[in-house]
N, C-alpha and C. Protein backbone atom coordinates (compact mmCIF):
# COMPACT_ATOMS: atom_id res chain seq x y z
N UNK A 1 -29.81 -2.73 103.79
CA UNK A 1 -30.87 -3.64 103.23
C UNK A 1 -32.19 -3.67 104.08
N UNK A 2 -33.27 -3.49 103.56
CA UNK A 2 -34.60 -3.31 104.20
C UNK A 2 -35.23 -4.62 104.43
N UNK A 3 -35.54 -4.93 105.66
CA UNK A 3 -36.40 -6.14 105.57
C UNK A 3 -37.76 -5.66 105.46
N UNK A 4 -38.48 -6.65 105.17
CA UNK A 4 -39.97 -6.36 104.65
C UNK A 4 -40.60 -7.45 105.52
N UNK A 5 -40.81 -7.11 106.82
CA UNK A 5 -41.52 -7.92 107.63
C UNK A 5 -43.06 -7.30 107.67
N UNK A 6 -43.81 -8.29 107.79
CA UNK A 6 -45.14 -7.77 108.02
C UNK A 6 -45.38 -6.96 109.04
N UNK A 7 -45.81 -5.94 109.05
CA UNK A 7 -46.16 -5.06 110.18
C UNK A 7 -47.64 -5.23 110.68
N UNK A 8 -47.46 -5.52 112.02
CA UNK A 8 -48.69 -5.77 112.78
C UNK A 8 -49.47 -4.42 113.00
N UNK A 9 -50.68 -4.30 112.69
CA UNK A 9 -51.13 -3.07 113.19
C UNK A 9 -51.35 -2.93 114.53
N UNK A 10 -50.73 -1.85 115.09
CA UNK A 10 -51.12 -1.77 116.69
C UNK A 10 -52.66 -1.30 117.02
N UNK A 11 -53.00 -2.27 117.64
CA UNK A 11 -54.56 -2.10 118.05
C UNK A 11 -54.50 -1.61 119.50
N UNK A 12 -55.01 -0.70 119.76
CA UNK A 12 -55.30 -0.15 121.17
C UNK A 12 -56.76 -0.14 121.37
N UNK A 13 -57.24 -1.46 121.32
CA UNK A 13 -58.54 -1.56 121.21
C UNK A 13 -59.01 -1.50 122.79
N UNK A 14 -59.83 -0.77 123.13
CA UNK A 14 -60.43 -0.64 124.44
C UNK A 14 -61.43 -1.65 124.65
N UNK A 15 -61.16 -2.12 125.81
CA UNK A 15 -62.19 -3.20 126.48
C UNK A 15 -63.50 -2.33 126.59
N UNK A 16 -64.74 -3.22 126.50
CA UNK A 16 -65.89 -2.50 126.74
C UNK A 16 -66.15 -2.66 128.40
N UNK A 17 -66.86 -1.48 128.68
CA UNK A 17 -67.01 -1.48 130.15
C UNK A 17 -67.96 -2.49 130.81
N UNK A 18 -68.88 -3.11 129.95
CA UNK A 18 -69.69 -4.20 130.34
C UNK A 18 -68.65 -5.31 130.82
N UNK A 19 -67.56 -5.62 129.95
CA UNK A 19 -66.92 -6.73 130.25
C UNK A 19 -65.91 -6.49 131.14
N UNK A 20 -65.21 -4.99 131.42
CA UNK A 20 -64.67 -4.70 132.80
C UNK A 20 -65.51 -5.02 133.97
N UNK A 21 -66.83 -4.92 133.88
CA UNK A 21 -67.72 -4.85 135.10
C UNK A 21 -67.73 -6.48 135.44
N UNK A 22 -68.20 -7.37 134.53
CA UNK A 22 -68.27 -8.63 134.62
C UNK A 22 -67.19 -9.33 135.02
N UNK A 23 -65.80 -9.10 134.61
CA UNK A 23 -64.70 -9.76 134.96
C UNK A 23 -64.00 -9.20 136.34
N UNK A 24 -64.76 -7.86 136.66
CA UNK A 24 -64.13 -7.37 137.92
C UNK A 24 -62.89 -6.56 137.91
N UNK A 25 -62.47 -6.36 136.56
CA UNK A 25 -61.17 -5.56 136.33
C UNK A 25 -61.58 -3.92 136.66
N UNK A 26 -62.68 -3.63 136.74
CA UNK A 26 -62.96 -2.22 136.93
C UNK A 26 -62.49 -1.96 138.56
N UNK A 27 -62.34 -2.79 139.34
CA UNK A 27 -62.09 -2.78 140.82
C UNK A 27 -60.71 -2.20 141.05
N UNK A 28 -59.85 -2.68 140.09
CA UNK A 28 -58.50 -2.36 140.20
C UNK A 28 -58.22 -1.04 139.43
N UNK A 29 -58.86 -0.37 138.76
CA UNK A 29 -58.98 0.83 138.16
C UNK A 29 -58.56 1.89 139.20
N UNK A 30 -57.51 2.67 138.74
CA UNK A 30 -57.18 3.77 139.81
C UNK A 30 -58.48 4.81 140.07
N UNK A 31 -59.05 5.02 139.18
CA UNK A 31 -60.22 5.91 139.39
C UNK A 31 -61.23 5.51 140.25
N UNK A 32 -61.31 4.07 140.13
CA UNK A 32 -62.41 3.42 141.03
C UNK A 32 -62.22 3.12 142.57
N UNK A 33 -60.93 3.00 142.76
CA UNK A 33 -60.21 2.85 144.10
C UNK A 33 -60.42 4.12 144.91
N UNK A 34 -60.67 5.22 144.30
CA UNK A 34 -60.91 6.45 145.23
C UNK A 34 -62.22 6.51 145.56
N UNK A 35 -63.22 5.59 145.05
CA UNK A 35 -64.56 5.66 145.37
C UNK A 35 -64.92 4.45 146.34
N UNK A 36 -63.91 3.85 146.74
CA UNK A 36 -64.10 2.66 147.73
C UNK A 36 -64.94 3.01 148.94
N UNK A 37 -64.42 4.09 149.57
CA UNK A 37 -65.35 4.65 150.76
C UNK A 37 -66.79 4.90 150.51
N UNK A 38 -66.99 5.60 149.57
CA UNK A 38 -68.34 5.75 148.97
C UNK A 38 -69.19 4.54 148.91
N UNK A 39 -68.44 3.48 148.08
CA UNK A 39 -69.20 2.35 147.69
C UNK A 39 -69.51 1.75 149.15
N UNK A 40 -68.58 1.65 150.12
CA UNK A 40 -68.69 1.12 151.34
C UNK A 40 -70.00 1.61 152.14
N UNK A 41 -69.85 3.09 152.01
CA UNK A 41 -71.09 3.78 152.64
C UNK A 41 -72.49 3.29 152.20
N UNK A 42 -72.41 3.32 150.88
CA UNK A 42 -73.76 3.05 150.17
C UNK A 42 -74.17 1.43 150.52
N UNK A 43 -73.10 0.72 150.61
CA UNK A 43 -73.55 -0.75 151.03
C UNK A 43 -74.07 -0.82 152.44
N UNK A 44 -73.45 0.06 153.47
CA UNK A 44 -73.80 0.00 154.61
C UNK A 44 -75.28 0.73 154.92
N UNK A 45 -75.44 1.71 154.04
CA UNK A 45 -76.77 2.11 154.15
C UNK A 45 -77.87 1.10 153.84
N UNK A 46 -77.49 0.25 152.82
CA UNK A 46 -78.42 -0.60 152.36
C UNK A 46 -78.67 -1.67 153.63
N UNK A 47 -77.65 -2.09 154.03
CA UNK A 47 -77.77 -3.18 155.10
C UNK A 47 -78.69 -2.60 156.16
N UNK A 48 -78.17 -1.30 156.82
CA UNK A 48 -79.28 -0.73 157.61
C UNK A 48 -80.85 -0.55 157.41
N UNK A 49 -80.94 -0.25 156.06
CA UNK A 49 -82.39 -0.08 155.50
C UNK A 49 -82.89 -1.54 155.62
N UNK A 50 -82.28 -2.58 155.34
CA UNK A 50 -82.89 -3.89 155.39
C UNK A 50 -83.12 -4.36 156.75
N UNK A 51 -82.23 -3.97 157.74
CA UNK A 51 -82.34 -4.29 159.11
C UNK A 51 -83.41 -3.65 159.82
N UNK A 52 -83.58 -2.41 159.36
CA UNK A 52 -84.64 -1.39 160.13
C UNK A 52 -86.05 -1.91 159.50
N UNK A 53 -86.01 -2.36 158.24
CA UNK A 53 -87.24 -2.68 157.74
C UNK A 53 -87.90 -4.19 158.69
N UNK A 54 -86.79 -5.11 158.80
CA UNK A 54 -87.17 -6.41 159.33
C UNK A 54 -87.58 -6.11 160.86
N UNK A 55 -86.73 -5.38 161.48
CA UNK A 55 -87.24 -4.87 162.89
C UNK A 55 -88.55 -4.27 163.06
N UNK A 56 -88.87 -3.46 161.95
CA UNK A 56 -90.34 -2.75 162.10
C UNK A 56 -91.26 -3.95 161.84
N UNK A 57 -91.13 -4.77 160.85
CA UNK A 57 -91.94 -5.87 160.69
C UNK A 57 -92.11 -6.88 161.87
N UNK A 58 -90.99 -7.00 162.78
CA UNK A 58 -91.25 -7.66 163.86
C UNK A 58 -92.08 -7.25 164.93
N UNK A 59 -92.07 -5.77 165.05
CA UNK A 59 -92.72 -4.99 165.91
C UNK A 59 -94.30 -5.10 165.70
N UNK A 60 -94.37 -4.94 164.35
CA UNK A 60 -96.01 -4.76 163.81
C UNK A 60 -96.67 -6.32 164.19
N UNK A 61 -95.94 -7.38 163.88
CA UNK A 61 -96.17 -8.75 164.03
C UNK A 61 -96.68 -8.95 165.72
N UNK A 62 -95.78 -8.15 166.41
CA UNK A 62 -95.84 -8.37 167.82
C UNK A 62 -97.15 -7.74 168.35
N UNK A 63 -97.17 -6.32 167.78
CA UNK A 63 -98.32 -5.66 168.23
C UNK A 63 -99.69 -6.38 167.58
N UNK A 64 -99.64 -6.87 166.53
CA UNK A 64 -100.96 -7.56 166.15
C UNK A 64 -101.30 -8.70 167.29
N UNK A 65 -100.16 -9.70 167.53
CA UNK A 65 -100.33 -10.84 168.42
C UNK A 65 -100.74 -10.27 169.71
N UNK A 66 -100.35 -9.11 170.31
CA UNK A 66 -100.92 -8.72 171.52
C UNK A 66 -102.23 -8.29 171.37
N UNK A 67 -102.69 -7.51 170.29
CA UNK A 67 -104.07 -7.03 170.13
C UNK A 67 -104.91 -8.40 170.32
N UNK A 68 -104.33 -9.45 169.54
CA UNK A 68 -105.41 -10.50 169.46
C UNK A 68 -105.51 -11.32 170.82
N UNK A 69 -104.50 -11.19 171.44
CA UNK A 69 -104.38 -11.91 172.87
C UNK A 69 -105.47 -10.97 173.71
N UNK A 70 -105.42 -9.76 173.57
CA UNK A 70 -106.16 -8.83 174.50
C UNK A 70 -107.73 -9.10 173.89
N UNK A 71 -107.92 -9.00 172.72
CA UNK A 71 -109.41 -9.32 172.40
C UNK A 71 -109.84 -10.88 173.06
N UNK A 72 -109.00 -11.76 172.84
CA UNK A 72 -109.46 -13.01 173.36
C UNK A 72 -109.86 -13.16 174.75
N UNK A 73 -108.86 -12.50 175.44
CA UNK A 73 -109.00 -12.14 176.93
C UNK A 73 -110.17 -11.53 177.13
N UNK A 74 -110.34 -10.25 176.58
CA UNK A 74 -111.67 -9.59 176.97
C UNK A 74 -112.84 -10.30 176.48
N UNK A 75 -112.87 -11.11 175.30
CA UNK A 75 -114.06 -11.81 175.13
C UNK A 75 -114.36 -12.86 176.15
N UNK A 76 -113.32 -13.74 176.69
CA UNK A 76 -113.28 -14.59 177.82
C UNK A 76 -113.97 -13.99 178.99
N UNK A 77 -113.57 -12.94 179.34
CA UNK A 77 -114.01 -12.14 180.47
C UNK A 77 -115.48 -11.94 180.39
N UNK A 78 -115.86 -11.36 179.25
CA UNK A 78 -117.39 -10.92 178.83
C UNK A 78 -118.23 -12.11 179.02
N UNK A 79 -117.63 -13.43 178.41
CA UNK A 79 -118.46 -14.61 178.46
C UNK A 79 -118.56 -15.13 179.96
N UNK A 80 -117.72 -14.93 180.71
CA UNK A 80 -117.85 -15.25 182.20
C UNK A 80 -118.58 -14.15 183.02
N UNK A 81 -118.82 -13.03 182.53
CA UNK A 81 -119.54 -12.06 183.35
C UNK A 81 -118.54 -11.49 184.49
N UNK A 82 -117.36 -11.69 184.14
CA UNK A 82 -116.22 -11.03 184.98
C UNK A 82 -115.52 -9.55 184.52
N UNK A 83 -116.32 -9.08 183.66
CA UNK A 83 -115.74 -7.85 182.91
C UNK A 83 -117.25 -6.83 183.02
N UNK A 84 -117.10 -5.54 183.50
CA UNK A 84 -117.88 -4.49 183.48
C UNK A 84 -117.20 -3.41 182.73
N UNK A 85 -117.68 -2.89 181.72
CA UNK A 85 -117.08 -1.78 181.29
C UNK A 85 -117.11 -0.55 182.14
N UNK A 86 -116.31 0.55 181.87
CA UNK A 86 -116.14 1.52 182.83
C UNK A 86 -117.40 2.32 182.76
N UNK A 87 -117.94 2.31 181.58
CA UNK A 87 -119.30 3.32 181.46
C UNK A 87 -120.17 2.65 182.39
N UNK A 88 -120.48 1.33 182.08
CA UNK A 88 -121.50 0.65 182.92
C UNK A 88 -121.27 0.75 184.38
N UNK A 89 -119.90 0.57 184.82
CA UNK A 89 -119.40 0.51 186.14
C UNK A 89 -120.01 1.77 186.71
N UNK A 90 -119.79 2.90 185.96
CA UNK A 90 -120.03 4.30 186.59
C UNK A 90 -121.60 4.32 186.66
N UNK A 91 -122.22 3.74 185.80
CA UNK A 91 -123.73 3.87 185.86
C UNK A 91 -124.31 3.15 187.11
N UNK A 92 -123.62 1.89 187.14
CA UNK A 92 -123.89 1.12 188.22
C UNK A 92 -123.77 1.89 189.68
N UNK A 93 -122.54 2.44 189.74
CA UNK A 93 -122.35 3.13 190.96
C UNK A 93 -123.39 4.26 191.38
N UNK A 94 -123.82 4.99 190.22
CA UNK A 94 -124.90 6.17 190.41
C UNK A 94 -126.24 5.51 190.82
N UNK A 95 -126.65 4.36 190.04
CA UNK A 95 -127.83 3.66 190.66
C UNK A 95 -127.74 3.08 192.20
N UNK A 96 -126.52 2.62 192.58
CA UNK A 96 -126.63 2.39 193.96
C UNK A 96 -126.56 3.50 194.59
N UNK A 97 -125.76 4.55 194.32
CA UNK A 97 -125.99 5.75 195.40
C UNK A 97 -127.53 6.27 195.53
N UNK A 98 -128.11 6.21 194.44
CA UNK A 98 -129.55 6.69 194.31
C UNK A 98 -130.48 5.71 195.32
N UNK A 99 -130.07 4.60 195.23
CA UNK A 99 -130.85 3.56 196.15
C UNK A 99 -130.40 3.55 197.49
N UNK A 100 -129.42 4.32 197.93
CA UNK A 100 -128.96 4.60 199.40
C UNK A 100 -127.73 3.81 199.70
N UNK A 101 -127.17 3.21 198.92
CA UNK A 101 -125.79 2.47 199.12
C UNK A 101 -124.75 3.65 198.96
N UNK A 102 -123.87 3.76 200.00
CA UNK A 102 -122.80 4.71 200.02
C UNK A 102 -121.47 3.99 199.96
N UNK A 103 -120.50 4.41 199.20
CA UNK A 103 -119.13 3.56 199.15
C UNK A 103 -118.57 4.04 200.43
N UNK A 104 -118.02 3.15 201.21
CA UNK A 104 -117.55 3.35 202.66
C UNK A 104 -116.07 2.63 202.58
N UNK A 105 -115.10 3.46 202.71
CA UNK A 105 -113.70 2.80 202.90
C UNK A 105 -113.41 2.27 204.05
N UNK A 106 -113.85 2.52 205.09
CA UNK A 106 -113.77 1.86 206.52
C UNK A 106 -114.00 0.44 206.41
N UNK A 107 -114.80 -0.17 205.58
CA UNK A 107 -114.93 -1.69 205.71
C UNK A 107 -114.24 -2.54 204.76
N UNK A 108 -113.01 -1.73 204.36
CA UNK A 108 -111.98 -2.68 203.76
C UNK A 108 -110.97 -3.03 204.71
N UNK A 109 -110.51 -4.20 204.50
CA UNK A 109 -109.65 -4.87 205.37
C UNK A 109 -108.09 -4.32 205.17
N UNK A 110 -107.49 -4.30 206.14
CA UNK A 110 -105.99 -3.89 205.98
C UNK A 110 -105.20 -4.59 206.82
N UNK A 111 -104.13 -5.25 206.29
CA UNK A 111 -103.40 -6.18 207.01
C UNK A 111 -102.15 -5.57 207.12
N UNK A 112 -101.57 -5.61 208.43
CA UNK A 112 -100.28 -5.03 208.65
C UNK A 112 -99.44 -6.08 209.11
N UNK A 113 -98.26 -6.02 208.61
CA UNK A 113 -97.11 -6.68 208.73
C UNK A 113 -96.11 -6.20 209.58
N UNK A 114 -95.66 -6.64 210.88
CA UNK A 114 -94.68 -6.17 211.46
C UNK A 114 -93.54 -7.27 211.87
N UNK A 115 -92.40 -6.90 211.96
CA UNK A 115 -91.16 -7.49 212.11
C UNK A 115 -90.81 -7.37 213.62
N UNK A 116 -90.54 -8.62 214.06
CA UNK A 116 -90.31 -8.68 215.55
C UNK A 116 -88.58 -8.87 215.72
N UNK A 117 -88.11 -8.01 216.19
CA UNK A 117 -86.51 -8.16 216.38
C UNK A 117 -86.15 -8.69 217.76
């Protein structure tokens, strides 16, 4: 005797790749496991890229800060007349030599420190 049971059609419905990605099931796939080292390498490169960019930005900010400090210090010296640019300094030396002033290192003071034992 033959039974007449309703046969269920066998559905080998393949899940969509998008659903596998969203649920994370693609990570346990045998083909994906072999790419774990490559994925790790790519993630490492991204992290290094981000760190390098941040380090560069910090250095640029430091350079800008130092340039600003230099300009402020230079302007303070110019305001107080404590700064003579190199070109003007050389011109002043020439003018003084023409007038008869000679640079003489003998008039510089020298302090000697001796230790007594």
